[in-house]
Amino acid sequence: GGGLVQAGDSLSVSCATSGRTFSSSA
């Protein structure tokens, strides 16, 4: 989700996980 934006804009980045119990992780 990264990219190039202008000042004042909005952007969202995501992180997909696998291989462990995600719900118990900070």
mmCIF file of all heavy atoms, coordinates in Angstrom:
data_MODEL
# 
_entry.id   MODEL 
# 
loop_
_atom_site.group_PDB 
_atom_site.id 
_atom_site.type_symbol 
_atom_site.label_atom_id 
_atom_site.label_alt_id 
_atom_site.label_comp_id 
_atom_site.label_asym_id 
_atom_site.label_entity_id 
_atom_site.label_seq_id 
_atom_site.pdbx_PDB_ins_code 
_atom_site.Cartn_x 
_atom_site.Cartn_y 
_atom_site.Cartn_z 
_atom_site.occupancy 
_atom_site.B_iso_or_equiv 
_atom_site.pdbx_formal_charge 
_atom_site.auth_seq_id 
_atom_site.auth_comp_id 
_atom_site.auth_asym_id 
_atom_site.auth_atom_id 
_atom_site.pdbx_PDB_model_num 
ATOM 1   N N   . GLY A 1 1  ? 0.772  -1.227  0.000  1.00 0.00 ? 1  GLY A N   1 
ATOM 2   C CA  . GLY A 1 1  ? 0.000  0.000   0.000  1.00 0.00 ? 1  GLY A CA  1 
ATOM 3   C C   . GLY A 1 1  ? 0.805  1.279   0.000  1.00 0.00 ? 1  GLY A C   1 
ATOM 4   O O   . GLY A 1 1  ? 0.228  2.376   -0.028 1.00 0.00 ? 1  GLY A O   1 
ATOM 5   N N   . GLY A 1 2  ? 2.128  1.178   0.054  1.00 0.00 ? 2  GLY A N   1 
ATOM 6   C CA  . GLY A 1 2  ? 2.925  2.393   0.004  1.00 0.00 ? 2  GLY A CA  1 
ATOM 7   C C   . GLY A 1 2  ? 2.851  3.054   -1.358 1.00 0.00 ? 2  GLY A C   1 
ATOM 8   O O   . GLY A 1 2  ? 2.297  2.495   -2.319 1.00 0.00 ? 2  GLY A O   1 
ATOM 9   N N   . GLY A 1 3  ? 3.386  4.261   -1.445 1.00 0.00 ? 3  GLY A N   1 
ATOM 10  C CA  . GLY A 1 3  ? 3.371  4.959   -2.722 1.00 0.00 ? 3  GLY A CA  1 
ATOM 11  C C   . GLY A 1 3  ? 3.793  6.388   -2.583 1.00 0.00 ? 3  GLY A C   1 
ATOM 12  O O   . GLY A 1 3  ? 4.302  6.816   -1.541 1.00 0.00 ? 3  GLY A O   1 
ATOM 13  N N   . LEU A 1 4  ? 3.569  7.139   -3.658 1.00 0.00 ? 4  LEU A N   1 
ATOM 14  C CA  . LEU A 1 4  ? 3.916  8.558   -3.721 1.00 0.00 ? 4  LEU A CA  1 
ATOM 15  C C   . LEU A 1 4  ? 2.638  9.382   -3.639 1.00 0.00 ? 4  LEU A C   1 
ATOM 16  O O   . LEU A 1 4  ? 1.714  9.178   -4.440 1.00 0.00 ? 4  LEU A O   1 
ATOM 17  C CB  . LEU A 1 4  ? 4.641  8.854   -5.033 1.00 0.00 ? 4  LEU A CB  1 
ATOM 18  C CG  . LEU A 1 4  ? 4.922  10.319  -5.357 1.00 0.00 ? 4  LEU A CG  1 
ATOM 19  C CD1 . LEU A 1 4  ? 5.838  10.939  -4.318 1.00 0.00 ? 4  LEU A CD1 1 
ATOM 20  C CD2 . LEU A 1 4  ? 5.507  10.457  -6.758 1.00 0.00 ? 4  LEU A CD2 1 
ATOM 21  N N   . VAL A 1 5  ? 2.591  10.287  -2.669 1.00 0.00 ? 5  VAL A N   1 
ATOM 22  C CA  . VAL A 1 5  ? 1.434  11.153  -2.495 1.00 0.00 ? 5  VAL A CA  1 
ATOM 23  C C   . VAL A 1 5  ? 1.917  12.576  -2.272 1.00 0.00 ? 5  VAL A C   1 
ATOM 24  O O   . VAL A 1 5  ? 3.106  12.802  -2.043 1.00 0.00 ? 5  VAL A O   1 
ATOM 25  C CB  . VAL A 1 5  ? 0.544  10.709  -1.314 1.00 0.00 ? 5  VAL A CB  1 
ATOM 26  C CG1 . VAL A 1 5  ? -0.034 9.325   -1.560 1.00 0.00 ? 5  VAL A CG1 1 
ATOM 27  C CG2 . VAL A 1 5  ? 1.318  10.748  -0.012 1.00 0.00 ? 5  VAL A CG2 1 
ATOM 28  N N   . GLN A 1 6  ? 0.971  13.513  -2.298 1.00 0.00 ? 6  GLN A N   1 
ATOM 29  C CA  . GLN A 1 6  ? 1.301  14.903  -2.033 1.00 0.00 ? 6  GLN A CA  1 
ATOM 30  C C   . GLN A 1 6  ? 1.013  15.238  -0.569 1.00 0.00 ? 6  GLN A C   1 
ATOM 31  O O   . GLN A 1 6  ? 0.210  14.573  0.097  1.00 0.00 ? 6  GLN A O   1 
ATOM 32  C CB  . GLN A 1 6  ? 0.491  15.816  -2.945 1.00 0.00 ? 6  GLN A CB  1 
ATOM 33  C CG  . GLN A 1 6  ? 0.861  15.688  -4.417 1.00 0.00 ? 6  GLN A CG  1 
ATOM 34  C CD  . GLN A 1 6  ? 0.148  16.715  -5.281 1.00 0.00 ? 6  GLN A CD  1 
ATOM 35  O OE1 . GLN A 1 6  ? -0.938 17.191  -4.936 1.00 0.00 ? 6  GLN A OE1 1 
ATOM 36  N NE2 . GLN A 1 6  ? 0.754  17.066  -6.407 1.00 0.00 ? 6  GLN A NE2 1 
ATOM 37  N N   . ALA A 1 7  ? 1.656  16.277  -0.103 1.00 0.00 ? 7  ALA A N   1 
ATOM 38  C CA  . ALA A 1 7  ? 1.413  16.742  1.263  1.00 0.00 ? 7  ALA A CA  1 
ATOM 39  C C   . ALA A 1 7  ? -0.069 17.045  1.449  1.00 0.00 ? 7  ALA A C   1 
ATOM 40  O O   . ALA A 1 7  ? -0.700 17.636  0.567  1.00 0.00 ? 7  ALA A O   1 
ATOM 41  C CB  . ALA A 1 7  ? 2.252  17.976  1.545  1.00 0.00 ? 7  ALA A CB  1 
ATOM 42  N N   . GLY A 1 8  ? -0.596 16.580  2.584  1.00 0.00 ? 8  GLY A N   1 
ATOM 43  C CA  . GLY A 1 8  ? -2.010 16.762  2.871  1.00 0.00 ? 8  GLY A CA  1 
ATOM 44  C C   . GLY A 1 8  ? -2.878 15.589  2.472  1.00 0.00 ? 8  GLY A C   1 
ATOM 45  O O   . GLY A 1 8  ? -4.029 15.480  2.918  1.00 0.00 ? 8  GLY A O   1 
ATOM 46  N N   . ASP A 1 9  ? -2.341 14.708  1.653  1.00 0.00 ? 9  ASP A N   1 
ATOM 47  C CA  . ASP A 1 9  ? -3.096 13.534  1.207  1.00 0.00 ? 9  ASP A CA  1 
ATOM 48  C C   . ASP A 1 9  ? -3.157 12.478  2.306  1.00 0.00 ? 9  ASP A C   1 
ATOM 49  O O   . ASP A 1 9  ? -2.480 12.572  3.345  1.00 0.00 ? 9  ASP A O   1 
ATOM 50  C CB  . ASP A 1 9  ? -2.457 12.928  -0.039 1.00 0.00 ? 9  ASP A CB  1 
ATOM 51  C CG  . ASP A 1 9  ? -2.738 13.733  -1.284 1.00 0.00 ? 9  ASP A CG  1 
ATOM 52  O OD1 . ASP A 1 9  ? -3.541 14.688  -1.212 1.00 0.00 ? 9  ASP A OD1 1 
ATOM 53  O OD2 . ASP A 1 9  ? -2.141 13.420  -2.331 1.00 0.00 ? 9  ASP A OD2 1 
ATOM 54  N N   . SER A 1 10 ? -3.956 11.452  2.025  1.00 0.00 ? 10 SER A N   1 
ATOM 55  C CA  . SER A 1 10 ? -4.073 10.296  2.917  1.00 0.00 ? 10 SER A CA  1 
ATOM 56  C C   . SER A 1 10 ? -3.601 9.043   2.204  1.00 0.00 ? 10 SER A C   1 
ATOM 57  O O   . SER A 1 10 ? -3.662 8.962   0.971  1.00 0.00 ? 10 SER A O   1 
ATOM 58  C CB  . SER A 1 10 ? -5.527 10.111  3.378  1.00 0.00 ? 10 SER A CB  1 
ATOM 59  O OG  . SER A 1 10 ? -5.969 11.217  4.118  1.00 0.00 ? 10 SER A OG  1 
ATOM 60  N N   . LEU A 1 11 ? -3.177 8.078   2.991  1.00 0.00 ? 11 LEU A N   1 
ATOM 61  C CA  . LEU A 1 11 ? -2.709 6.813   2.437  1.00 0.00 ? 11 LEU A CA  1 
ATOM 62  C C   . LEU A 1 11 ? -2.851 5.748   3.509  1.00 0.00 ? 11 LEU A C   1 
ATOM 63  O O   . LEU A 1 11 ? -2.666 6.027   4.702  1.00 0.00 ? 11 LEU A O   1 
ATOM 64  C CB  . LEU A 1 11 ? -1.242 6.928   2.016  1.00 0.00 ? 11 LEU A CB  1 
ATOM 65  C CG  . LEU A 1 11 ? -0.610 5.769   1.264  1.00 0.00 ? 11 LEU A CG  1 
ATOM 66  C CD1 . LEU A 1 11 ? -1.223 5.663   -0.134 1.00 0.00 ? 11 LEU A CD1 1 
ATOM 67  C CD2 . LEU A 1 11 ? 0.902  5.970   1.151  1.00 0.00 ? 11 LEU A CD2 1 
ATOM 68  N N   . SER A 1 12 ? -3.172 4.539   3.099  1.00 0.00 ? 12 SER A N   1 
ATOM 69  C CA  . SER A 1 12 ? -3.235 3.422   4.028  1.00 0.00 ? 12 SER A CA  1 
ATOM 70  C C   . SER A 1 12 ? -2.240 2.352   3.616  1.00 0.00 ? 12 SER A C   1 
ATOM 71  O O   . SER A 1 12 ? -2.112 2.059   2.423  1.00 0.00 ? 12 SER A O   1 
ATOM 72  C CB  . SER A 1 12 ? -4.637 2.813   4.055  1.00 0.00 ? 12 SER A CB  1 
ATOM 73  O OG  . SER A 1 12 ? -5.554 3.681   4.672  1.00 0.00 ? 12 SER A OG  1 
ATOM 74  N N   . VAL A 1 13 ? -1.547 1.817   4.586  1.00 0.00 ? 13 VAL A N   1 
ATOM 75  C CA  . VAL A 1 13 ? -0.674 0.670   4.347  1.00 0.00 ? 13 VAL A CA  1 
ATOM 76  C C   . VAL A 1 13 ? -1.196 -0.512  5.156  1.00 0.00 ? 13 VAL A C   1 
ATOM 77  O O   . VAL A 1 13 ? -1.804 -0.327  6.211  1.00 0.00 ? 13 VAL A O   1 
ATOM 78  C CB  . VAL A 1 13 ? 0.793  0.974   4.688  1.00 0.00 ? 13 VAL A CB  1 
ATOM 79  C CG1 . VAL A 1 13 ? 1.379  1.962   3.682  1.00 0.00 ? 13 VAL A CG1 1 
ATOM 80  C CG2 . VAL A 1 13 ? 0.944  1.512   6.097  1.00 0.00 ? 13 VAL A CG2 1 
ATOM 81  N N   . SER A 1 14 ? -0.957 -1.699  4.627  1.00 0.00 ? 14 SER A N   1 
ATOM 82  C CA  . SER A 1 14 ? -1.441 -2.921  5.259  1.00 0.00 ? 14 SER A CA  1 
ATOM 83  C C   . SER A 1 14 ? -0.292 -3.880  5.505  1.00 0.00 ? 14 SER A C   1 
ATOM 84  O O   . SER A 1 14 ? 0.743  -3.809  4.845  1.00 0.00 ? 14 SER A O   1 
ATOM 85  C CB  . SER A 1 14 ? -2.478 -3.603  4.354  1.00 0.00 ? 14 SER A CB  1 
ATOM 86  O OG  . SER A 1 14 ? -3.547 -2.756  4.056  1.00 0.00 ? 14 SER A OG  1 
ATOM 87  N N   . CYS A 1 15 ? -0.519 -4.785  6.432  1.00 0.00 ? 15 CYS A N   1 
ATOM 88  C CA  . CYS A 1 15 ? 0.478  -5.811  6.726  1.00 0.00 ? 15 CYS A CA  1 
ATOM 89  C C   . CYS A 1 15 ? -0.255 -7.126  6.943  1.00 0.00 ? 15 CYS A C   1 
ATOM 90  O O   . CYS A 1 15 ? -0.989 -7.283  7.926  1.00 0.00 ? 15 CYS A O   1 
ATOM 91  C CB  . CYS A 1 15 ? 1.276  -5.433  7.962  1.00 0.00 ? 15 CYS A CB  1 
ATOM 92  S SG  . CYS A 1 15 ? 2.403  -6.705  8.553  1.00 0.00 ? 15 CYS A SG  1 
ATOM 93  N N   . ALA A 1 16 ? -0.061 -8.042  6.026  1.00 0.00 ? 16 ALA A N   1 
ATOM 94  C CA  . ALA A 1 16 ? -0.682 -9.360  6.125  1.00 0.00 ? 16 ALA A CA  1 
ATOM 95  C C   . ALA A 1 16 ? 0.297  -10.325 6.795  1.00 0.00 ? 16 ALA A C   1 
ATOM 96  O O   . ALA A 1 16 ? 1.482  -10.342 6.457  1.00 0.00 ? 16 ALA A O   1 
ATOM 97  C CB  . ALA A 1 16 ? -1.045 -9.869  4.740  1.00 0.00 ? 16 ALA A CB  1 
ATOM 98  N N   . THR A 1 17 ? -0.199 -11.092 7.742  1.00 0.00 ? 17 THR A N   1 
ATOM 99  C CA  . THR A 1 17 ? 0.681  -11.999 8.477  1.00 0.00 ? 17 THR A CA  1 
ATOM 100 C C   . THR A 1 17 ? 0.264  -13.455 8.270  1.00 0.00 ? 17 THR A C   1 
ATOM 101 O O   . THR A 1 17 ? -0.900 -13.739 7.972  1.00 0.00 ? 17 THR A O   1 
ATOM 102 C CB  . THR A 1 17 ? 0.646  -11.694 9.979  1.00 0.00 ? 17 THR A CB  1 
ATOM 103 O OG1 . THR A 1 17 ? -0.608 -12.099 10.511 1.00 0.00 ? 17 THR A OG1 1 
ATOM 104 C CG2 . THR A 1 17 ? 0.841  -10.205 10.240 1.00 0.00 ? 17 THR A CG2 1 
ATOM 105 N N   . SER A 1 18 ? 1.201  -14.331 8.467  1.00 0.00 ? 18 SER A N   1 
ATOM 106 C CA  . SER A 1 18 ? 0.918  -15.764 8.370  1.00 0.00 ? 18 SER A CA  1 
ATOM 107 C C   . SER A 1 18 ? 1.919  -16.511 9.233  1.00 0.00 ? 18 SER A C   1 
ATOM 108 O O   . SER A 1 18 ? 2.979  -15.998 9.571  1.00 0.00 ? 18 SER A O   1 
ATOM 109 C CB  . SER A 1 18 ? 1.016  -16.250 6.925  1.00 0.00 ? 18 SER A CB  1 
ATOM 110 O OG  . SER A 1 18 ? 2.321  -16.059 6.429  1.00 0.00 ? 18 SER A OG  1 
ATOM 111 N N   . GLY A 1 19 ? 1.560  -17.709 9.611  1.00 0.00 ? 19 GLY A N   1 
ATOM 112 C CA  . GLY A 1 19 ? 2.513  -18.574 10.287 1.00 0.00 ? 19 GLY A CA  1 
ATOM 113 C C   . GLY A 1 19 ? 2.449  -18.598 11.793 1.00 0.00 ? 19 GLY A C   1 
ATOM 114 O O   . GLY A 1 19 ? 3.211  -19.290 12.410 1.00 0.00 ? 19 GLY A O   1 
ATOM 115 N N   . ARG A 1 20 ? 1.564  -17.828 12.410 1.00 0.00 ? 20 ARG A N   1 
ATOM 116 C CA  . ARG A 1 20 ? 1.420  -17.877 13.851 1.00 0.00 ? 20 ARG A CA  1 
ATOM 117 C C   . ARG A 1 20 ? 0.038  -17.366 14.228 1.00 0.00 ? 20 ARG A C   1 
ATOM 118 O O   . ARG A 1 20 ? -0.725 -16.944 13.381 1.00 0.00 ? 20 ARG A O   1 
ATOM 119 C CB  . ARG A 1 20 ? 2.491  -17.080 14.560 1.00 0.00 ? 20 ARG A CB  1 
ATOM 120 C CG  . ARG A 1 20 ? 2.418  -15.583 14.329 1.00 0.00 ? 20 ARG A CG  1 
ATOM 121 C CD  . ARG A 1 20 ? 3.340  -14.837 15.266 1.00 0.00 ? 20 ARG A CD  1 
ATOM 122 N NE  . ARG A 1 20 ? 2.768  -14.744 16.598 1.00 0.00 ? 20 ARG A NE  1 
ATOM 123 C CZ  . ARG A 1 20 ? 3.249  -15.390 17.626 1.00 0.00 ? 20 ARG A CZ  1 
ATOM 124 N NH1 . ARG A 1 20 ? 4.270  -16.199 17.489 1.00 0.00 ? 20 ARG A NH1 1 
ATOM 125 N NH2 . ARG A 1 20 ? 2.712  -15.255 18.821 1.00 0.00 ? 20 ARG A NH2 1 
ATOM 126 N N   . THR A 1 21 ? -0.251 -17.395 15.517 1.00 0.00 ? 21 THR A N   1 
ATOM 127 C CA  . THR A 1 21 ? -1.537 -16.924 15.993 1.00 0.00 ? 21 THR A CA  1 
ATOM 128 C C   . THR A 1 21 ? -1.526 -15.408 16.048 1.00 0.00 ? 21 THR A C   1 
ATOM 129 O O   . THR A 1 21 ? -1.030 -14.807 16.988 1.00 0.00 ? 21 THR A O   1 
ATOM 130 C CB  . THR A 1 21 ? -1.866 -17.514 17.372 1.00 0.00 ? 21 THR A CB  1 
ATOM 131 O OG1 . THR A 1 21 ? -1.789 -18.926 17.300 1.00 0.00 ? 21 THR A OG1 1 
ATOM 132 C CG2 . THR A 1 21 ? -3.263 -17.095 17.805 1.00 0.00 ? 21 THR A CG2 1 
ATOM 133 N N   . PHE A 1 22 ? -2.090 -14.798 15.037 1.00 0.00 ? 22 PHE A N   1 
ATOM 134 C CA  . PHE A 1 22 ? -2.057 -13.348 14.910 1.00 0.00 ? 22 PHE A CA  1 
ATOM 135 C C   . PHE A 1 22 ? -2.776 -12.682 16.063 1.00 0.00 ? 22 PHE A C   1 
ATOM 136 O O   . PHE A 1 22 ? -2.317 -11.651 16.569 1.00 0.00 ? 22 PHE A O   1 
ATOM 137 C CB  . PHE A 1 22 ? -2.710 -12.965 13.580 1.00 0.00 ? 22 PHE A CB  1 
ATOM 138 C CG  . PHE A 1 22 ? -2.854 -11.488 13.362 1.00 0.00 ? 22 PHE A CG  1 
ATOM 139 C CD1 . PHE A 1 22 ? -1.751 -10.727 13.000 1.00 0.00 ? 22 PHE A CD1 1 
ATOM 140 C CD2 . PHE A 1 22 ? -4.082 -10.863 13.498 1.00 0.00 ? 22 PHE A CD2 1 
ATOM 141 C CE1 . PHE A 1 22 ? -1.877 -9.365  12.772 1.00 0.00 ? 22 PHE A CE1 1 
ATOM 142 C CE2 . PHE A 1 22 ? -4.220 -9.510  13.286 1.00 0.00 ? 22 PHE A CE2 1 
ATOM 143 C CZ  . PHE A 1 22 ? -3.114 -8.759  12.919 1.00 0.00 ? 22 PHE A CZ  1 
ATOM 144 N N   . SER A 1 23 ? -3.860 -13.268 16.509 1.00 0.00 ? 23 SER A N   1 
ATOM 145 C CA  . SER A 1 23 ? -4.690 -12.617 17.517 1.00 0.00 ? 23 SER A CA  1 
ATOM 146 C C   . SER A 1 23 ? -3.996 -12.496 18.871 1.00 0.00 ? 23 SER A C   1 
ATOM 147 O O   . SER A 1 23 ? -4.462 -11.748 19.728 1.00 0.00 ? 23 SER A O   1 
ATOM 148 C CB  . SER A 1 23 ? -6.003 -13.381 17.679 1.00 0.00 ? 23 SER A CB  1 
ATOM 149 O OG  . SER A 1 23 ? -5.753 -14.716 18.085 1.00 0.00 ? 23 SER A OG  1 
ATOM 150 N N   . SER A 1 24 ? -2.911 -13.202 19.103 1.00 0.00 ? 24 SER A N   1 
ATOM 151 C CA  . SER A 1 24 ? -2.185 -13.116 20.373 1.00 0.00 ? 24 SER A CA  1 
ATOM 152 C C   . SER A 1 24 ? -0.954 -12.222 20.273 1.00 0.00 ? 24 SER A C   1 
ATOM 153 O O   . SER A 1 24 ? -0.219 -12.071 21.251 1.00 0.00 ? 24 SER A O   1 
ATOM 154 C CB  . SER A 1 24 ? -1.768 -14.498 20.845 1.00 0.00 ? 24 SER A CB  1 
ATOM 155 O OG  . SER A 1 24 ? -0.842 -15.077 19.943 1.00 0.00 ? 24 SER A OG  1 
ATOM 156 N N   . SER A 1 25 ? -0.740 -11.630 19.114 1.00 0.00 ? 25 SER A N   1 
ATOM 157 C CA  . SER A 1 25 ? 0.450  -10.817 18.875 1.00 0.00 ? 25 SER A CA  1 
ATOM 158 C C   . SER A 1 25 ? 0.163  -9.339  19.020 1.00 0.00 ? 25 SER A C   1 
ATOM 159 O O   . SER A 1 25 ? -0.824 -8.836  18.474 1.00 0.00 ? 25 SER A O   1 
ATOM 160 C CB  . SER A 1 25 ? 0.987  -11.059 17.464 1.00 0.00 ? 25 SER A CB  1 
ATOM 161 O OG  . SER A 1 25 ? 1.387  -12.401 17.290 1.00 0.00 ? 25 SER A OG  1 
ATOM 162 N N   . ALA A 1 26 ? 1.044  -8.637  19.726 1.00 0.00 ? 26 ALA A N   1 
ATOM 163 C CA  . ALA A 1 26 ? 1.048  -7.182  19.638 1.00 0.00 ? 26 ALA A CA  1 
ATOM 164 C C   . ALA A 1 26 ? 1.662  -6.811  18.300 1.00 0.00 ? 26 ALA A C   1 
ATOM 165 O O   . ALA A 1 26 ? 2.583  -7.483  17.812 1.00 0.00 ? 26 ALA A O   1 
ATOM 166 C CB  . ALA A 1 26 ? 1.856  -6.582  20.769 1.00 0.00 ? 26 ALA A CB  1 
# 
